[in-house]
PDB file of all heavy atoms in Angstrom:
ATOM      1  N   ARG A   1      83.906  11.387 187.758  1.00  0.00           N
ATOM      2  CA  ARG A   1      84.877  10.315 187.380  1.00  0.00           C
ATOM      3  C   ARG A   1      84.325   9.276 186.441  1.00  0.00           C
ATOM      4  O   ARG A   1      84.993   8.753 185.619  1.00  0.00           O
ATOM      5  CB  ARG A   1      85.465   9.610 188.625  1.00  0.00           C
ATOM      6  CG  ARG A   1      86.440  10.528 189.238  1.00  0.00           C
ATOM      7  CD  ARG A   1      87.081   9.927 190.512  1.00  0.00           C
ATOM      8  NE  ARG A   1      88.008  10.882 191.103  1.00  0.00           N
ATOM      9  CZ  ARG A   1      88.141  11.092 192.277  1.00  0.00           C
ATOM     10  NH1 ARG A   1      87.454  10.562 193.210  1.00  0.00           N
ATOM     11  NH2 ARG A   1      89.008  12.047 192.795  1.00  0.00           N
ATOM     12  N   ARG A   2      83.039   8.942 186.530  1.00  0.00           N
ATOM     13  CA  ARG A   2      82.458   7.969 185.640  1.00  0.00           C
ATOM     14  C   ARG A   2      82.378   8.464 184.203  1.00  0.00           C
ATOM     15  O   ARG A   2      82.736   7.762 183.263  1.00  0.00           O
ATOM     16  CB  ARG A   2      81.063   7.467 186.125  1.00  0.00           C
ATOM     17  CG  ARG A   2      81.223   6.538 187.340  1.00  0.00           C
ATOM     18  CD  ARG A   2      79.897   6.190 187.823  1.00  0.00           C
ATOM     19  NE  ARG A   2      79.996   5.175 188.975  1.00  0.00           N
ATOM     20  CZ  ARG A   2      79.038   4.844 189.846  1.00  0.00           C
ATOM     21  NH1 ARG A   2      77.809   5.339 189.584  1.00  0.00           N
ATOM     22  NH2 ARG A   2      79.311   3.988 190.745  1.00  0.00           N
ATOM     23  N   MET A   3      81.829   9.710 184.085  1.00  0.00           N
ATOM     24  CA  MET A   3      81.844  10.283 182.754  1.00  0.00           C
ATOM     25  C   MET A   3      83.302  10.544 182.201  1.00  0.00           C
ATOM     26  O   MET A   3      83.561  10.285 181.010  1.00  0.00           O
ATOM     27  CB  MET A   3      81.136  11.638 182.713  1.00  0.00           C
ATOM     28  CG  MET A   3      79.584  11.432 182.777  1.00  0.00           C
ATOM     29  SD  MET A   3      78.948  10.544 181.308  1.00  0.00           S
ATOM     30  CE  MET A   3      79.563  11.522 179.954  1.00  0.00           C
ATOM     31  N   ALA A   4      84.152  10.905 183.113  1.00  0.00           N
ATOM     32  CA  ALA A   4      85.487  11.138 182.682  1.00  0.00           C
ATOM     33  C   ALA A   4      86.187   9.791 182.254  1.00  0.00           C
ATOM     34  O   ALA A   4      87.112   9.794 181.363  1.00  0.00           O
ATOM     35  CB  ALA A   4      86.407  11.742 183.885  1.00  0.00           C
ATOM     36  N   SER A   5      85.832   8.632 182.906  1.00  0.00           N
ATOM     37  CA  SER A   5      86.319   7.372 182.560  1.00  0.00           C
ATOM     38  C   SER A   5      85.987   7.069 181.100  1.00  0.00           C
ATOM     39  O   SER A   5      86.751   6.578 180.356  1.00  0.00           O
ATOM     40  CB  SER A   5      85.610   6.329 183.376  1.00  0.00           C
ATOM     41  OG  SER A   5      86.058   5.023 183.105  1.00  0.00           O
ATOM     42  N   GLY A   6      84.716   7.304 180.700  1.00  0.00           N
ATOM     43  CA  GLY A   6      84.307   7.107 179.313  1.00  0.00           C
ATOM     44  C   GLY A   6      85.051   8.037 178.349  1.00  0.00           C
ATOM     45  O   GLY A   6      85.463   7.581 177.274  1.00  0.00           O
ATOM     46  N   LEU A   7      85.300   9.285 178.725  1.00  0.00           N
ATOM     47  CA  LEU A   7      86.007  10.208 177.963  1.00  0.00           C
ATOM     48  C   LEU A   7      87.406   9.776 177.720  1.00  0.00           C
ATOM     49  O   LEU A   7      88.053   9.849 176.693  1.00  0.00           O
ATOM     50  CB  LEU A   7      85.898  11.636 178.486  1.00  0.00           C
ATOM     51  CG  LEU A   7      84.545  12.345 178.388  1.00  0.00           C
ATOM     52  CD1 LEU A   7      84.667  13.646 179.011  1.00  0.00           C
ATOM     53  CD2 LEU A   7      84.120  12.522 176.975  1.00  0.00           C
ATOM     54  N   LEU A   8      88.028   9.255 178.871  1.00  0.00           N
ATOM     55  CA  LEU A   8      89.410   8.837 178.792  1.00  0.00           C
ATOM     56  C   LEU A   8      89.622   7.748 177.794  1.00  0.00           C
ATOM     57  O   LEU A   8      90.440   7.674 176.915  1.00  0.00           O
ATOM     58  CB  LEU A   8      89.834   8.428 180.147  1.00  0.00           C
ATOM     59  CG  LEU A   8      91.351   7.956 180.177  1.00  0.00           C
ATOM     60  CD1 LEU A   8      92.340   9.062 179.823  1.00  0.00           C
ATOM     61  CD2 LEU A   8      91.688   7.378 181.597  1.00  0.00           C
ATOM     62  N   GLN A   9      88.713   6.676 177.912  1.00  0.00           N
ATOM     63  CA  GLN A   9      88.727   5.556 176.933  1.00  0.00           C
ATOM     64  C   GLN A   9      88.480   6.008 175.589  1.00  0.00           C
ATOM     65  O   GLN A   9      88.861   5.220 174.575  1.00  0.00           O
ATOM     66  CB  GLN A   9      87.820   4.464 177.432  1.00  0.00           C
ATOM     67  CG  GLN A   9      88.275   3.676 178.623  1.00  0.00           C
ATOM     68  CD  GLN A   9      89.651   3.043 178.329  1.00  0.00           C
ATOM     69  OE1 GLN A   9      90.741   3.531 178.575  1.00  0.00           O
ATOM     70  NE2 GLN A   9      89.634   1.787 177.811  1.00  0.00           N
ATOM     71  N   ALA A  10      87.678   7.077 175.372  1.00  0.00           N
ATOM     72  CA  ALA A  10      87.374   7.567 174.018  1.00  0.00           C
ATOM     73  C   ALA A  10      88.753   7.937 173.304  1.00  0.00           C
ATOM     74  O   ALA A  10      88.737   7.998 172.058  1.00  0.00           O
ATOM     75  CB  ALA A  10      86.442   8.782 174.077  1.00  0.00           C
ATOM     76  N   GLY A  11      89.770   8.188 174.053  1.00  0.00           N
ATOM     77  CA  GLY A  11      90.993   8.511 173.437  1.00  0.00           C
ATOM     78  C   GLY A  11      91.526   7.368 172.549  1.00  0.00           C
ATOM     79  O   GLY A  11      92.273   7.545 171.542  1.00  0.00           O
ATOM     80  N   TRP A  12      91.169   6.062 172.900  1.00  0.00           N
ATOM     81  CA  TRP A  12      91.729   4.950 172.109  1.00  0.00           C
ATOM     82  C   TRP A  12      91.090   4.907 170.712  1.00  0.00           C
ATOM     83  O   TRP A  12      91.819   4.872 169.739  1.00  0.00           O
ATOM     84  CB  TRP A  12      91.487   3.636 172.873  1.00  0.00           C
ATOM     85  CG  TRP A  12      92.147   2.518 172.162  1.00  0.00           C
ATOM     86  CD1 TRP A  12      91.525   1.711 171.172  1.00  0.00           C
ATOM     87  CD2 TRP A  12      93.420   1.994 172.248  1.00  0.00           C
ATOM     88  NE1 TRP A  12      92.359   0.762 170.724  1.00  0.00           N
ATOM     89  CE2 TRP A  12      93.580   0.878 171.347  1.00  0.00           C
ATOM     90  CE3 TRP A  12      94.486   2.334 172.986  1.00  0.00           C
ATOM     91  CZ2 TRP A  12      94.766   0.172 171.169  1.00  0.00           C
ATOM     92  CZ3 TRP A  12      95.657   1.623 172.844  1.00  0.00           C
ATOM     93  CH2 TRP A  12      95.722   0.491 171.958  1.00  0.00           C
ATOM     94  N   PRO A  13      89.724   4.912 170.594  1.00  0.00           N
ATOM     95  CA  PRO A  13      89.219   4.932 169.292  1.00  0.00           C
ATOM     96  C   PRO A  13      89.510   6.198 168.477  1.00  0.00           C
ATOM     97  O   PRO A  13      89.691   6.150 167.236  1.00  0.00           O
ATOM     98  CB  PRO A  13      87.662   4.876 169.483  1.00  0.00           C
ATOM     99  CG  PRO A  13      87.488   5.287 170.861  1.00  0.00           C
ATOM    100  CD  PRO A  13      88.627   4.855 171.683  1.00  0.00           C
ATOM    101  N   VAL A  14      89.782   7.277 169.195  1.00  0.00           N
ATOM    102  CA  VAL A  14      90.185   8.518 168.466  1.00  0.00           C
ATOM    103  C   VAL A  14      91.578   8.298 167.782  1.00  0.00           C
ATOM    104  O   VAL A  14      91.851   8.543 166.650  1.00  0.00           O
ATOM    105  CB  VAL A  14      90.281   9.719 169.382  1.00  0.00           C
ATOM    106  CG1 VAL A  14      91.014  10.917 168.682  1.00  0.00           C
ATOM    107  CG2 VAL A  14      88.855  10.171 169.742  1.00  0.00           C
ATOM    108  N   GLY A  15      92.487   7.638 168.618  1.00  0.00           N
ATOM    109  CA  GLY A  15      93.851   7.351 168.095  1.00  0.00           C
ATOM    110  C   GLY A  15      93.795   6.336 166.962  1.00  0.00           C
ATOM    111  O   GLY A  15      94.480   6.496 165.949  1.00  0.00           O
ATOM    112  N   PHE A  16      92.957   5.248 167.119  1.00  0.00           N
ATOM    113  CA  PHE A  16      92.820   4.261 166.010  1.00  0.00           C
ATOM    114  C   PHE A  16      92.208   4.921 164.781  1.00  0.00           C
ATOM    115  O   PHE A  16      92.646   4.721 163.674  1.00  0.00           O
ATOM    116  CB  PHE A  16      91.907   3.101 166.587  1.00  0.00           C
ATOM    117  CG  PHE A  16      91.995   1.844 165.845  1.00  0.00           C
ATOM    118  CD1 PHE A  16      91.480   0.649 166.381  1.00  0.00           C
ATOM    119  CD2 PHE A  16      92.630   1.724 164.579  1.00  0.00           C
ATOM    120  CE1 PHE A  16      91.643  -0.535 165.761  1.00  0.00           C
ATOM    121  CE2 PHE A  16      92.738   0.521 163.940  1.00  0.00           C
ATOM    122  CZ  PHE A  16      92.228  -0.642 164.508  1.00  0.00           C
ATOM    123  N   LEU A  17      91.207   5.739 164.974  1.00  0.00           N
ATOM    124  CA  LEU A  17      90.581   6.434 163.880  1.00  0.00           C
ATOM    125  C   LEU A  17      91.536   7.287 163.085  1.00  0.00           C
ATOM    126  O   LEU A  17      91.658   7.346 161.934  1.00  0.00           O
ATOM    127  CB  LEU A  17      89.416   7.356 164.338  1.00  0.00           C
ATOM    128  CG  LEU A  17      88.398   7.919 163.375  1.00  0.00           C
ATOM    129  CD1 LEU A  17      87.085   8.153 164.021  1.00  0.00           C
ATOM    130  CD2 LEU A  17      88.941   9.262 162.910  1.00  0.00           C
ATOM    131  N   LEU A  18      92.318   8.077 163.889  1.00  0.00           N
ATOM    132  CA  LEU A  18      93.331   8.956 163.269  1.00  0.00           C
ATOM    133  C   LEU A  18      94.392   8.075 162.454  1.00  0.00           C
ATOM    134  O   LEU A  18      94.933   8.485 161.434  1.00  0.00           O
ATOM    135  CB  LEU A  18      94.108   9.769 164.294  1.00  0.00           C
ATOM    136  CG  LEU A  18      93.250  10.923 165.017  1.00  0.00           C
ATOM    137  CD1 LEU A  18      94.042  11.498 166.094  1.00  0.00           C
ATOM    138  CD2 LEU A  18      92.866  11.898 163.893  1.00  0.00           C
ATOM    139  N   ALA A  19      94.734   6.929 163.033  1.00  0.00           N
ATOM    140  CA  ALA A  19      95.695   6.107 162.327  1.00  0.00           C
ATOM    141  C   ALA A  19      95.077   5.575 161.035  1.00  0.00           C
ATOM    142  O   ALA A  19      95.802   5.597 160.020  1.00  0.00           O
ATOM    143  CB  ALA A  19      96.023   4.762 163.192  1.00  0.00           C
ATOM    144  N   ALA A  20      93.795   5.151 161.058  1.00  0.00           N
ATOM    145  CA  ALA A  20      93.120   4.695 159.866  1.00  0.00           C
ATOM    146  C   ALA A  20      93.048   5.840 158.808  1.00  0.00           C
ATOM    147  O   ALA A  20      93.233   5.626 157.631  1.00  0.00           O
ATOM    148  CB  ALA A  20      91.835   4.097 160.171  1.00  0.00           C
ATOM    149  N   ALA A  21      92.637   6.971 159.211  1.00  0.00           N
ATOM    150  CA  ALA A  21      92.553   8.200 158.326  1.00  0.00           C
ATOM    151  C   ALA A  21      93.829   8.500 157.713  1.00  0.00           C
ATOM    152  O   ALA A  21      93.965   8.904 156.532  1.00  0.00           O
ATOM    153  CB  ALA A  21      91.918   9.299 159.125  1.00  0.00           C
ATOM    154  N   THR A  22      94.893   8.555 158.528  1.00  0.00           N
ATOM    155  CA  THR A  22      96.279   8.803 158.072  1.00  0.00           C
ATOM    156  C   THR A  22      96.753   7.727 157.053  1.00  0.00           C
ATOM    157  O   THR A  22      97.311   8.062 155.950  1.00  0.00           O
ATOM    158  CB  THR A  22      97.294   8.902 159.205  1.00  0.00           C
ATOM    159  OG1 THR A  22      96.839   9.810 160.187  1.00  0.00           O
ATOM    160  CG2 THR A  22      98.659   9.234 158.745  1.00  0.00           C
ATOM    161  N   ALA A  23      96.419   6.500 157.398  1.00  0.00           N
ATOM    162  CA  ALA A  23      96.814   5.403 156.462  1.00  0.00           C
ATOM    163  C   ALA A  23      96.080   5.481 155.114  1.00  0.00           C
ATOM    164  O   ALA A  23      96.701   5.160 154.055  1.00  0.00           O
ATOM    165  CB  ALA A  23      96.502   4.052 157.121  1.00  0.00           C
ATOM    166  N   TYR A  24      94.809   5.967 155.161  1.00  0.00           N
ATOM    167  CA  TYR A  24      94.109   6.081 153.919  1.00  0.00           C
ATOM    168  C   TYR A  24      94.838   7.022 152.938  1.00  0.00           C
ATOM    169  O   TYR A  24      94.786   6.716 151.652  1.00  0.00           O
ATOM    170  CB  TYR A  24      92.703   6.691 154.250  1.00  0.00           C
ATOM    171  CG  TYR A  24      91.779   6.845 153.091  1.00  0.00           C
ATOM    172  CD1 TYR A  24      90.928   5.841 152.673  1.00  0.00           C
ATOM    173  CD2 TYR A  24      91.721   8.106 152.322  1.00  0.00           C
ATOM    174  CE1 TYR A  24      90.070   5.965 151.623  1.00  0.00           C
ATOM    175  CE2 TYR A  24      90.929   8.198 151.329  1.00  0.00           C
ATOM    176  CZ  TYR A  24      90.051   7.231 150.898  1.00  0.00           C
ATOM    177  OH  TYR A  24      89.197   7.298 149.795  1.00  0.00           O
ATOM    178  N   PHE A  25      95.405   8.057 153.485  1.00  0.00           N
ATOM    179  CA  PHE A  25      96.097   8.897 152.511  1.00  0.00           C
ATOM    180  C   PHE A  25      97.659   8.717 152.326  1.00  0.00           C
ATOM    181  O   PHE A  25      98.149   8.830 151.227  1.00  0.00           O
ATOM    182  CB  PHE A  25      95.919  10.428 153.077  1.00  0.00           C
ATOM    183  CG  PHE A  25      94.520  10.863 153.005  1.00  0.00           C
ATOM    184  CD1 PHE A  25      93.826  11.012 154.152  1.00  0.00           C
ATOM    185  CD2 PHE A  25      93.934  11.324 151.810  1.00  0.00           C
ATOM    186  CE1 PHE A  25      92.475  11.433 154.180  1.00  0.00           C
ATOM    187  CE2 PHE A  25      92.621  11.843 151.837  1.00  0.00           C
ATOM    188  CZ  PHE A  25      91.887  11.849 152.964  1.00  0.00           C
ATOM    189  N   VAL A  26      98.217   8.230 153.468  1.00  0.00           N
ATOM    190  CA  VAL A  26      99.719   8.172 153.420  1.00  0.00           C
ATOM    191  C   VAL A  26     100.144   6.861 152.778  1.00  0.00           C
ATOM    192  O   VAL A  26     101.126   6.825 151.931  1.00  0.00           O
ATOM    193  CB  VAL A  26     100.242   8.220 154.858  1.00  0.00           C
ATOM    194  CG1 VAL A  26     101.723   7.797 154.960  1.00  0.00           C
ATOM    195  CG2 VAL A  26     100.026   9.606 155.433  1.00  0.00           C
ATOM    196  N   VAL A  27      99.624   5.716 153.091  1.00  0.00           N
ATOM    197  CA  VAL A  27     100.095   4.429 152.598  1.00  0.00           C
ATOM    198  C   VAL A  27     100.138   4.332 151.070  1.00  0.00           C
ATOM    199  O   VAL A  27     101.119   3.990 150.525  1.00  0.00           O
ATOM    200  CB  VAL A  27      99.271   3.245 153.199  1.00  0.00           C
ATOM    201  CG1 VAL A  27      99.692   1.955 152.538  1.00  0.00           C
ATOM    202  CG2 VAL A  27      99.555   3.160 154.690  1.00  0.00           C
ATOM    203  N   PRO A  28      98.957   4.700 150.334  1.00  0.00           N
ATOM    204  CA  PRO A  28      99.051   4.682 148.892  1.00  0.00           C
ATOM    205  C   PRO A  28     100.064   5.638 148.308  1.00  0.00           C
ATOM    206  O   PRO A  28     100.702   5.334 147.252  1.00  0.00           O
ATOM    207  CB  PRO A  28      97.674   5.108 148.434  1.00  0.00           C
ATOM    208  CG  PRO A  28      96.837   4.874 149.656  1.00  0.00           C
ATOM    209  CD  PRO A  28      97.664   5.128 150.823  1.00  0.00           C
ATOM    210  N   ALA A  29     100.341   6.760 148.918  1.00  0.00           N
ATOM    211  CA  ALA A  29     101.231   7.799 148.419  1.00  0.00           C
ATOM    212  C   ALA A  29     102.696   7.581 148.824  1.00  0.00           C
ATOM    213  O   ALA A  29     103.588   7.769 148.003  1.00  0.00           O
ATOM    214  CB  ALA A  29     100.707   9.150 148.843  1.00  0.00           C
ATOM    215  N   LEU A  30     102.961   7.200 150.102  1.00  0.00           N
ATOM    216  CA  LEU A  30     104.275   7.177 150.627  1.00  0.00           C
ATOM    217  C   LEU A  30     104.773   5.807 151.083  1.00  0.00           C
ATOM    218  O   LEU A  30     105.961   5.640 151.429  1.00  0.00           O
ATOM    219  CB  LEU A  30     104.543   8.238 151.726  1.00  0.00           C
ATOM    220  CG  LEU A  30     104.123   9.718 151.402  1.00  0.00           C
ATOM    221  CD1 LEU A  30     104.225  10.533 152.638  1.00  0.00           C
ATOM    222  CD2 LEU A  30     105.104  10.187 150.309  1.00  0.00           C
ATOM    223  N   GLY A  31     103.820   4.943 151.139  1.00  0.00           N
ATOM    224  CA  GLY A  31     104.185   3.557 151.604  1.00  0.00           C
ATOM    225  C   GLY A  31     103.894   3.341 153.069  1.00  0.00           C
ATOM    226  O   GLY A  31     103.724   4.367 153.811  1.00  0.00           O
ATOM    227  N   TRP A  32     103.972   2.141 153.471  1.00  0.00           N
ATOM    228  CA  TRP A  32     103.667   1.810 154.987  1.00  0.00           C
ATOM    229  C   TRP A  32     104.707   2.320 155.982  1.00  0.00           C
ATOM    230  O   TRP A  32     104.382   2.657 157.102  1.00  0.00           O
ATOM    231  CB  TRP A  32     103.513   0.272 155.151  1.00  0.00           C
ATOM    232  CG  TRP A  32     104.811  -0.538 154.871  1.00  0.00           C
ATOM    233  CD1 TRP A  32     105.170  -1.111 153.766  1.00  0.00           C
ATOM    234  CD2 TRP A  32     105.743  -0.838 155.857  1.00  0.00           C
ATOM    235  NE1 TRP A  32     106.405  -1.721 153.899  1.00  0.00           N
ATOM    236  CE2 TRP A  32     106.750  -1.637 155.212  1.00  0.00           C
ATOM    237  CE3 TRP A  32     105.915  -0.609 157.266  1.00  0.00           C
ATOM    238  CZ2 TRP A  32     107.871  -2.093 155.829  1.00  0.00           C
ATOM    239  CZ3 TRP A  32     107.098  -1.070 157.864  1.00  0.00           C
ATOM    240  CH2 TRP A  32     108.013  -1.830 157.221  1.00  0.00           C
ATOM    241  N   ARG A  33     105.962   2.458 155.515  1.00  0.00           N
ATOM    242  CA  ARG A  33     106.973   2.925 156.453  1.00  0.00           C
ATOM    243  C   ARG A  33     106.740   4.250 156.985  1.00  0.00           C
ATOM    244  O   ARG A  33     107.067   4.631 158.094  1.00  0.00           O
ATOM    245  CB  ARG A  33     108.361   2.799 155.845  1.00  0.00           C
ATOM    246  CG  ARG A  33     108.844   1.400 155.619  1.00  0.00           C
ATOM    247  CD  ARG A  33     110.188   1.427 154.772  1.00  0.00           C
ATOM    248  NE  ARG A  33     110.646   0.040 154.566  1.00  0.00           N
ATOM    249  CZ  ARG A  33     111.365  -0.769 155.345  1.00  0.00           C
ATOM    250  NH1 ARG A  33     111.761  -0.260 156.511  1.00  0.00           N
ATOM    251  NH2 ARG A  33     111.739  -2.003 154.957  1.00  0.00           N
ATOM    252  N   ALA A  34     106.219   5.149 156.153  1.00  0.00           N
ATOM    253  CA  ALA A  34     105.958   6.542 156.534  1.00  0.00           C
ATOM    254  C   ALA A  34     105.027   6.651 157.684  1.00  0.00           C
ATOM    255  O   ALA A  34     105.122   7.634 158.442  1.00  0.00           O
ATOM    256  CB  ALA A  34     105.342   7.341 155.311  1.00  0.00           C
ATOM    257  N   MET A  35     104.175   5.718 157.937  1.00  0.00           N
ATOM    258  CA  MET A  35     103.221   5.776 159.074  1.00  0.00           C
ATOM    259  C   MET A  35     104.055   5.764 160.343  1.00  0.00           C
ATOM    260  O   MET A  35     103.642   6.514 161.303  1.00  0.00           O
ATOM    261  CB  MET A  35     102.345   4.559 159.031  1.00  0.00           C
ATOM    262  CG  MET A  35     101.300   4.589 157.882  1.00  0.00           C
ATOM    263  SD  MET A  35     100.096   5.743 158.087  1.00  0.00           S
ATOM    264  CE  MET A  35      99.167   5.197 159.541  1.00  0.00           C
ATOM    265  N   PHE A  36     105.095   5.089 160.411  1.00  0.00           N
ATOM    266  CA  PHE A  36     105.856   4.980 161.694  1.00  0.00           C
ATOM    267  C   PHE A  36     106.675   6.241 161.939  1.00  0.00           C
ATOM    268  O   PHE A  36     106.987   6.634 163.030  1.00  0.00           O
ATOM    269  CB  PHE A  36     106.821   3.713 161.624  1.00  0.00           C
ATOM    270  CG  PHE A  36     106.045   2.500 161.667  1.00  0.00           C
ATOM    271  CD1 PHE A  36     105.683   1.792 160.603  1.00  0.00           C
ATOM    272  CD2 PHE A  36     105.605   1.956 162.954  1.00  0.00           C
ATOM    273  CE1 PHE A  36     104.915   0.617 160.611  1.00  0.00           C
ATOM    274  CE2 PHE A  36     104.902   0.816 162.998  1.00  0.00           C
ATOM    275  CZ  PHE A  36     104.577   0.133 161.916  1.00  0.00           C
ATOM    276  N   LEU A  37     107.113   6.873 160.795  1.00  0.00           N
ATOM    277  CA  LEU A  37     107.793   8.149 160.937  1.00  0.00           C
ATOM    278  C   LEU A  37     106.878   9.264 161.483  1.00  0.00           C
ATOM    279  O   LEU A  37     107.243  10.057 162.301  1.00  0.00           O
ATOM    280  CB  LEU A  37     108.448   8.548 159.612  1.00  0.00           C
ATOM    281  CG  LEU A  37     109.722   9.430 159.620  1.00  0.00           C
ATOM    282  CD1 LEU A  37     110.819   8.823 160.469  1.00  0.00           C
ATOM    283  CD2 LEU A  37     110.206   9.709 158.193  1.00  0.00           C
ATOM    284  N   ILE A  38     105.652   9.265 160.868  1.00  0.00           N
ATOM    285  CA  ILE A  38     104.706  10.199 161.344  1.00  0.00           C
ATOM    286  C   ILE A  38     104.381  10.005 162.836  1.00  0.00           C
ATOM    287  O   ILE A  38     104.183  11.005 163.593  1.00  0.00           O
ATOM    288  CB  ILE A  38     103.367  10.044 160.521  1.00  0.00           C
ATOM    289  CG1 ILE A  38     103.589  10.541 159.090  1.00  0.00           C
ATOM    290  CG2 ILE A  38     102.214  10.892 161.141  1.00  0.00           C
ATOM    291  CD1 ILE A  38     102.508  10.221 158.166  1.00  0.00           C
ATOM    292  N   ALA A  39     104.251   8.754 163.270  1.00  0.00           N
ATOM    293  CA  ALA A  39     103.969   8.459 164.658  1.00  0.00           C
ATOM    294  C   ALA A  39     104.953   8.934 165.667  1.00  0.00           C
ATOM    295  O   ALA A  39     104.651   9.095 166.865  1.00  0.00           O
ATOM    296  CB  ALA A  39     103.799   6.914 164.890  1.00  0.00           C
ATOM    297  N   ALA A  40     106.180   9.304 165.218  1.00  0.00           N
ATOM    298  CA  ALA A  40     107.192   9.799 166.119  1.00  0.00           C
ATOM    299  C   ALA A  40     107.069  11.254 166.498  1.00  0.00           C
ATOM    300  O   ALA A  40     107.592  11.706 167.488  1.00  0.00           O
ATOM    301  CB  ALA A  40     108.587   9.497 165.558  1.00  0.00           C
ATOM    302  N   VAL A  41     106.376  11.983 165.690  1.00  0.00           N
ATOM    303  CA  VAL A  41     106.339  13.438 165.745  1.00  0.00           C
ATOM    304  C   VAL A  41     105.698  13.897 167.131  1.00  0.00           C
ATOM    305  O   VAL A  41     106.158  14.803 167.758  1.00  0.00           O
ATOM    306  CB  VAL A  41     105.530  14.093 164.598  1.00  0.00           C
ATOM    307  CG1 VAL A  41     105.346  15.521 164.772  1.00  0.00           C
ATOM    308  CG2 VAL A  41     106.291  13.789 163.302  1.00  0.00           C
ATOM    309  N   PRO A  42     104.609  13.310 167.573  1.00  0.00           N
ATOM    310  CA  PRO A  42     103.917  13.870 168.742  1.00  0.00           C
ATOM    311  C   PRO A  42     104.702  13.792 170.040  1.00  0.00           C
ATOM    312  O   PRO A  42     104.281  14.272 171.098  1.00  0.00           O
ATOM    313  CB  PRO A  42     102.684  12.986 168.874  1.00  0.00           C
ATOM    314  CG  PRO A  42     102.418  12.488 167.608  1.00  0.00           C
ATOM    315  CD  PRO A  42     103.792  12.242 166.968  1.00  0.00           C
ATOM    316  N   ALA A  43     105.926  13.265 170.050  1.00  0.00           N
ATOM    317  CA  ALA A  43     106.787  13.232 171.235  1.00  0.00           C
ATOM    318  C   ALA A  43     107.015  14.696 171.753  1.00  0.00           C
ATOM    319  O   ALA A  43     107.414  14.846 172.923  1.00  0.00           O
ATOM    320  CB  ALA A  43     108.130  12.574 170.971  1.00  0.00           C
ATOM    321  N   ILE A  44     106.885  15.663 170.963  1.00  0.00           N
ATOM    322  CA  ILE A  44     107.090  17.076 171.356  1.00  0.00           C
ATOM    323  C   ILE A  44     106.101  17.440 172.536  1.00  0.00           C
ATOM    324  O   ILE A  44     106.301  18.451 173.157  1.00  0.00           O
ATOM    325  CB  ILE A  44     106.968  18.061 170.212  1.00  0.00           C
ATOM    326  CG1 ILE A  44     105.593  17.963 169.463  1.00  0.00           C
ATOM    327  CG2 ILE A  44     108.054  17.819 169.211  1.00  0.00           C
ATOM    328  CD1 ILE A  44     105.376  18.909 168.412  1.00  0.00           C
ATOM    329  N   LEU A  45     105.082  16.652 172.637  1.00  0.00           N
ATOM    330  CA  LEU A  45     104.076  16.959 173.726  1.00  0.00           C
ATOM    331  C   LEU A  45     104.679  16.808 175.091  1.00  0.00           C
ATOM    332  O   LEU A  45     104.054  17.169 176.107  1.00  0.00           O
ATOM    333  CB  LEU A  45     102.846  15.970 173.592  1.00  0.00           C
ATOM    334  CG  LEU A  45     101.922  16.341 172.360  1.00  0.00           C
ATOM    335  CD1 LEU A  45     100.883  15.244 172.197  1.00  0.00           C
ATOM    336  CD2 LEU A  45     101.224  17.725 172.605  1.00  0.00           C
ATOM    337  N   VAL A  46     105.782  16.139 175.241  1.00  0.00           N
ATOM    338  CA  VAL A  46     106.532  16.021 176.457  1.00  0.00           C
ATOM    339  C   VAL A  46     106.714  17.373 177.187  1.00  0.00           C
ATOM    340  O   VAL A  46     106.583  17.520 178.374  1.00  0.00           O
ATOM    341  CB  VAL A  46     107.799  15.326 176.342  1.00  0.00           C
ATOM    342  CG1 VAL A  46     108.642  15.393 177.582  1.00  0.00           C
ATOM    343  CG2 VAL A  46     107.595  13.714 176.042  1.00  0.00           C
TER     344      VAL A  46
END
């Protein structure tokens, strides 16, 4: 559980990192609104 605790929290910087990497490419090309549309896609994981 202690190692799993660290791995679970690692999900937050991974998500933040993916957001920054996505913004790097998407915002200059498609604008800031596109970021929120992209964020809606992973709901299929339900």
